[in-house]
Amino acid sequence: MFGTRPGHITFESHLEKLKEPVRPIMVDLRKFVTSLGSNVIEEIRPHRIVYSKTMNFRTFLDIESTTGDSLMLSIRYGRGTLPVYLKVVTIEDAELAKKQIAEAYQKIQ
C-alpha cells in the first residue's frame, strides 16, 4: 500500500530534492522495502518517508534526505528499542543497510 493521495506530497517530490548518486539509491531502497511484504505501508511526509508494517505505530524505517547528497536512515527493531541510525551516500552503504532493514521488518511486532 502506498501513501499517494491526491494533493499530498509525493515520492517524486522527495526525489527532486536529491542529487546524484543518491536519487537512484532512494528508488532502489524503496523497491527493496516495498518488496519485503504485502503489509508494508509507505507514508510520504514533508521531510521524510516512513515505512511501517500494517499499522503506523509499527514503524521500522524512516528515510530522510539531509542535504540532498545523502540519506539518513532510522531503523527500528521494536517499539521498546532505540533506533539505529545509518548515513547512506553510496550503493555500498545502501546494500549494507538492506540487511538491517530486512531484519527490522522481521522483528517489528
C-alpha atoms as a PDB file:
ATOM      1  CA  MET A   1       0.000   0.000   0.000  1.00  0.00           C
ATOM      2  CA  PHE A   2       1.393   3.397  -0.920  1.00  0.00           C
ATOM      3  CA  GLY A   3       0.625   6.826   0.521  1.00  0.00           C
ATOM      4  CA  THR A   4      -0.021   8.630  -2.760  1.00  0.00           C
ATOM      5  CA  ARG A   5      -3.235  10.504  -2.149  1.00  0.00           C
ATOM      6  CA  PRO A   6      -4.041  13.422  -4.488  1.00  0.00           C
ATOM      7  CA  GLY A   7      -2.945  16.814  -3.188  1.00  0.00           C
ATOM      8  CA  HIS A   8      -0.404  15.339  -0.833  1.00  0.00           C
ATOM      9  CA  ILE A   9       3.359  15.146  -1.015  1.00  0.00           C
ATOM     10  CA  THR A  10       4.619  12.506  -3.434  1.00  0.00           C
ATOM     11  CA  PHE A  11       7.640  10.247  -3.508  1.00  0.00           C
ATOM     12  CA  GLU A  12       8.722  12.050  -6.673  1.00  0.00           C
ATOM     13  CA  SER A  13       8.815  15.387  -4.838  1.00  0.00           C
ATOM     14  CA  HIS A  14      11.392  13.873  -2.479  1.00  0.00           C
ATOM     15  CA  LEU A  15      13.401  12.579  -5.441  1.00  0.00           C
ATOM     16  CA  GLU A  16      13.546  16.050  -6.974  1.00  0.00           C
ATOM     17  CA  LYS A  17      15.439  17.298  -3.916  1.00  0.00           C
ATOM     18  CA  LEU A  18      18.099  14.589  -4.185  1.00  0.00           C
ATOM     19  CA  LYS A  19      21.359  14.804  -6.096  1.00  0.00           C
ATOM     20  CA  GLU A  20      23.157  12.030  -7.949  1.00  0.00           C
ATOM     21  CA  PRO A  21      24.055   9.317  -6.964  1.00  0.00           C
ATOM     22  CA  VAL A  22      21.585   9.388  -4.053  1.00  0.00           C
ATOM     23  CA  ARG A  23      18.475   9.664  -6.256  1.00  0.00           C
ATOM     24  CA  PRO A  24      18.737   6.131  -7.758  1.00  0.00           C
ATOM     25  CA  ILE A  25      19.737   4.769  -4.344  1.00  0.00           C
ATOM     26  CA  MET A  26      16.469   6.108  -2.917  1.00  0.00           C
ATOM     27  CA  VAL A  27      14.478   4.449  -5.711  1.00  0.00           C
ATOM     28  CA  ASP A  28      16.323   1.175  -5.095  1.00  0.00           C
ATOM     29  CA  LEU A  29      15.700   1.323  -1.335  1.00  0.00           C
ATOM     30  CA  ARG A  30      12.004   1.952  -1.968  1.00  0.00           C
ATOM     31  CA  LYS A  31      11.750  -1.082  -4.257  1.00  0.00           C
ATOM     32  CA  PHE A  32      13.563  -3.203  -1.699  1.00  0.00           C
ATOM     33  CA  VAL A  33      11.449  -2.105   1.267  1.00  0.00           C
ATOM     34  CA  THR A  34       8.121  -2.496  -0.523  1.00  0.00           C
ATOM     35  CA  SER A  35       9.169  -5.971  -1.673  1.00  0.00           C
ATOM     36  CA  LEU A  36       9.570  -7.173   1.921  1.00  0.00           C
ATOM     37  CA  GLY A  37       5.876  -7.963   2.188  1.00  0.00           C
ATOM     38  CA  SER A  38       2.378  -7.019   1.124  1.00  0.00           C
ATOM     39  CA  ASN A  39       1.795  -5.483   4.565  1.00  0.00           C
ATOM     40  CA  VAL A  40       4.409  -2.714   4.130  1.00  0.00           C
ATOM     41  CA  ILE A  41       2.853   0.744   4.334  1.00  0.00           C
ATOM     42  CA  GLU A  42       4.648   3.737   2.835  1.00  0.00           C
ATOM     43  CA  GLU A  43       3.760   7.132   4.272  1.00  0.00           C
ATOM     44  CA  ILE A  44       5.135  10.177   2.483  1.00  0.00           C
ATOM     45  CA  ARG A  45       5.691  13.054   4.880  1.00  0.00           C
ATOM     46  CA  PRO A  46       7.035  16.555   4.173  1.00  0.00           C
ATOM     47  CA  HIS A  47      10.601  15.853   5.309  1.00  0.00           C
ATOM     48  CA  ARG A  48      10.846  12.088   5.305  1.00  0.00           C
ATOM     49  CA  ILE A  49       9.379   8.808   4.135  1.00  0.00           C
ATOM     50  CA  VAL A  50       8.182   6.341   6.753  1.00  0.00           C
ATOM     51  CA  TYR A  51       7.700   2.606   6.302  1.00  0.00           C
ATOM     52  CA  SER A  52       5.664   0.542   8.702  1.00  0.00           C
ATOM     53  CA  LYS A  53       4.262  -2.920   8.988  1.00  0.00           C
ATOM     54  CA  THR A  54       0.436  -2.953   8.786  1.00  0.00           C
ATOM     55  CA  MET A  55      -0.065  -0.083  11.272  1.00  0.00           C
ATOM     56  CA  ASN A  56       1.614   3.291  11.681  1.00  0.00           C
ATOM     57  CA  PHE A  57       2.846   2.567  15.186  1.00  0.00           C
ATOM     58  CA  ARG A  58       4.813  -0.432  13.845  1.00  0.00           C
ATOM     59  CA  THR A  59       7.325   1.755  12.018  1.00  0.00           C
ATOM     60  CA  PHE A  60      10.556   0.018  11.106  1.00  0.00           C
ATOM     61  CA  LEU A  61      12.199   2.576   8.810  1.00  0.00           C
ATOM     62  CA  ASP A  62      12.394   6.354   8.373  1.00  0.00           C
ATOM     63  CA  ILE A  63      14.301   7.804   5.417  1.00  0.00           C
ATOM     64  CA  GLU A  64      15.241  11.473   5.424  1.00  0.00           C
ATOM     65  CA  SER A  65      17.326  13.463   2.982  1.00  0.00           C
ATOM     66  CA  THR A  66      19.749  15.570   4.963  1.00  0.00           C
ATOM     67  CA  THR A  67      21.389  17.824   2.367  1.00  0.00           C
ATOM     68  CA  GLY A  68      20.340  16.257  -0.915  1.00  0.00           C
ATOM     69  CA  ASP A  69      23.572  14.287  -1.219  1.00  0.00           C
ATOM     70  CA  SER A  70      22.882  11.672   1.460  1.00  0.00           C
ATOM     71  CA  LEU A  71      20.074   9.799   3.158  1.00  0.00           C
ATOM     72  CA  MET A  72      19.716   9.344   6.898  1.00  0.00           C
ATOM     73  CA  LEU A  73      18.030   6.080   7.818  1.00  0.00           C
ATOM     74  CA  SER A  74      16.447   5.411  11.171  1.00  0.00           C
ATOM     75  CA  ILE A  75      15.899   1.664  11.560  1.00  0.00           C
ATOM     76  CA  ARG A  76      13.694   0.401  14.392  1.00  0.00           C
ATOM     77  CA  TYR A  77      13.673  -3.182  15.572  1.00  0.00           C
ATOM     78  CA  GLY A  78      10.810  -2.722  18.019  1.00  0.00           C
ATOM     79  CA  ARG A  79       8.852  -0.170  19.987  1.00  0.00           C
ATOM     80  CA  GLY A  80      10.956  -0.605  23.103  1.00  0.00           C
ATOM     81  CA  THR A  81      14.330  -0.362  21.393  1.00  0.00           C
ATOM     82  CA  LEU A  82      16.340   2.649  20.324  1.00  0.00           C
ATOM     83  CA  PRO A  83      16.635   3.198  16.572  1.00  0.00           C
ATOM     84  CA  VAL A  84      19.845   2.558  14.658  1.00  0.00           C
ATOM     85  CA  TYR A  85      20.935   5.492  12.503  1.00  0.00           C
ATOM     86  CA  LEU A  86      22.776   4.984   9.227  1.00  0.00           C
ATOM     87  CA  LYS A  87      24.014   7.535   6.726  1.00  0.00           C
ATOM     88  CA  VAL A  88      23.714   6.363   3.117  1.00  0.00           C
ATOM     89  CA  VAL A  89      25.849   8.039   0.464  1.00  0.00           C
ATOM     90  CA  THR A  90      26.886   5.144  -1.780  1.00  0.00           C
ATOM     91  CA  ILE A  91      25.357   1.995  -3.227  1.00  0.00           C
ATOM     92  CA  GLU A  92      27.562   0.007  -0.843  1.00  0.00           C
ATOM     93  CA  ASP A  93      26.066   1.873   2.129  1.00  0.00           C
ATOM     94  CA  ALA A  94      22.574   1.032   0.863  1.00  0.00           C
ATOM     95  CA  GLU A  95      23.419  -2.652   0.413  1.00  0.00           C
ATOM     96  CA  LEU A  96      24.673  -2.858   3.998  1.00  0.00           C
ATOM     97  CA  ALA A  97      21.551  -1.068   5.223  1.00  0.00           C
ATOM     98  CA  LYS A  98      19.246  -3.501   3.396  1.00  0.00           C
ATOM     99  CA  LYS A  99      20.327  -6.343   5.682  1.00  0.00           C
ATOM    100  CA  GLN A 100      19.413  -4.330   8.757  1.00  0.00           C
ATOM    101  CA  ILE A 101      16.143  -3.123   7.210  1.00  0.00           C
ATOM    102  CA  ALA A 102      15.089  -6.707   6.425  1.00  0.00           C
ATOM    103  CA  GLU A 103      15.968  -7.800   9.954  1.00  0.00           C
ATOM    104  CA  ALA A 104      13.990  -4.896  11.449  1.00  0.00           C
ATOM    105  CA  TYR A 105      10.997  -5.744   9.258  1.00  0.00           C
ATOM    106  CA  GLN A 106      11.077  -9.328  10.508  1.00  0.00           C
ATOM    107  CA  LYS A 107      11.476  -8.353  14.176  1.00  0.00           C
ATOM    108  CA  ILE A 108       8.998  -5.462  14.416  1.00  0.00           C
ATOM    109  CA  GLN A 109       5.896  -6.544  16.336  1.00  0.00           C
END
